[in-house]
Amino acid sequence: MRLSLRLKVALALFAACVVLLVMQAIGIRVMAEGQEERLINAIIEDDMRNLLQSWRDEPGTLPPLDPKVGARVSAEGGAWFTLPPSLATLPEGVHEVMMDGHEVHLAVTHFGSERVVRAYDYSVYERHFKNGMNMLMFATALFALPTVWLAYWLSGLLVRQVGGLARQVKDLRSGAASAIDPASYDEREVAGLAEAVNDYHCRMAAMVEREKEFTANVSHELRTPLTRIRTSCELLEPVAGALDAKSRQRLLQIEQAAEDMHALVECLLALARDETGTVGPPVRLAELVGAIVERYAERLEKQAARIVVDVAADACIHANAPALGIVLSNLVDNALRHTEDGEIRIAYRDGTLSVDDTGSGIAADALPHVFERFYRAPGGRGDGFGIGLAIVKKICERCGWQIEVHSAEGAGTHVLLGLKGS
């Protein structure tokens, strides 16, 4: 499933906002904790200076000596304080230690020859500080929630012109518009993209027009020699009885080839005019299939292959008969190319015409390319140019028919032509 550009931009903005908020909250917490420690140390240093000065003025106010640690020990406020012996060797300075589940600050200094230790319990203050930091983190998390809507709203502003360009490209493709106006876009990149789309559309339209013109011209020029061939065959019909059997067969083959070429020319003209999908009168499918199979009678005699037709006599469809004839003729021709001996079955069921053969099949790596122009699958017979199935695909697209090819090397080929839309 593809995500929309707006959703991707919204997710990117939301992720950026969350990262920035988290970084800001962590930065504030680290700075606040550092500032807290500096403030506590400043208070302790100020208190120790005042305390030392008072001891100089009144030596009798010194705290009592604790013989276990060899130091005079007191707590903030002058209360007696018992220092664990394990902390008796603390160096001079301010230290943070855990005592009875509390974080206690110990200031170690010297007063003359006396070692003095003073304890400060700021656990209540630090607990309030941590609660405040936790509230800050919680508020940051809550503040991140509105950024979801904000990111989606901003993404809509950022990609609205891309969405407008997409709509105009759709109008351009459907023929509702002739070009896109780059001046209607504020963003330089979107305007450049609109200009590129206009240029590409113009070049594609010109190429399609040249192709249609070329196809129409060639088809028109082929009509004249085909008309002469057909007329000559008609003029020879009265004297066909005087010809031997082999000559009459050749004359019929020439006439049939001219008819096939005429149908192909008409189909090419329809392709050039985008008229391939034109539906004519009901077509008796069994008669159409029979006529196509008859064209390959001589070829079937030379090969050990046989064609089985499984089409109901009363089966009728509304379709472009010449186009369907060309499609079916190419499918039968390709089946014969890959079936030296065996069976080719043509069947019609529930709007689907199938052409199955028991031939050599098509390799897996060649199967995706069978509808490409000038591509010839390995193992085929004959001297084709590889454009038959390309024409088949083009006709099916114009007529709205679904065509599928299933094959495996050595296991034959199964072609399905869906005519339900006909």
Foldseek 3Di string as FASTA:
>chain_A
DDDDQLVVQLVVQLVVLLVVLVVVLVVVLVVVVVVVVVVVQVVVVVVVVVVLVVCVVPVVLQADADVLLQAREAEPPGHDDDDDSVCSPDDAAWDWDADPNFTKIWHWDDNVPGTYIYIYGCRVVVVVVVVVSVVSVVVSVVVSVVSSVVSSVVSCVVCVVVVVLVVVVVCCVVVVDVADDLVVDDDPVSSVVRVVSRVVSVVVVVVLLVVLVVLLVVLVVVVVVLVVQLVVLVVCVVVLVVDDPVVNVVSVLSNVVSVLSNLVSVCSNCLSVLNLQPWDPKDQVVVLVVVLVVNCVVVCVVAQEDEAEAEDRRDIDTGDSSLVSLLVNLVVVQLCQFPRHFYWYWHDDDQKTKTWTQGQWAAPVCQVCLLPFQDDTPRTDDDDRSNSSVSSVSSCVSNVWDWDWDTHGNGTIMIMIGRVVD
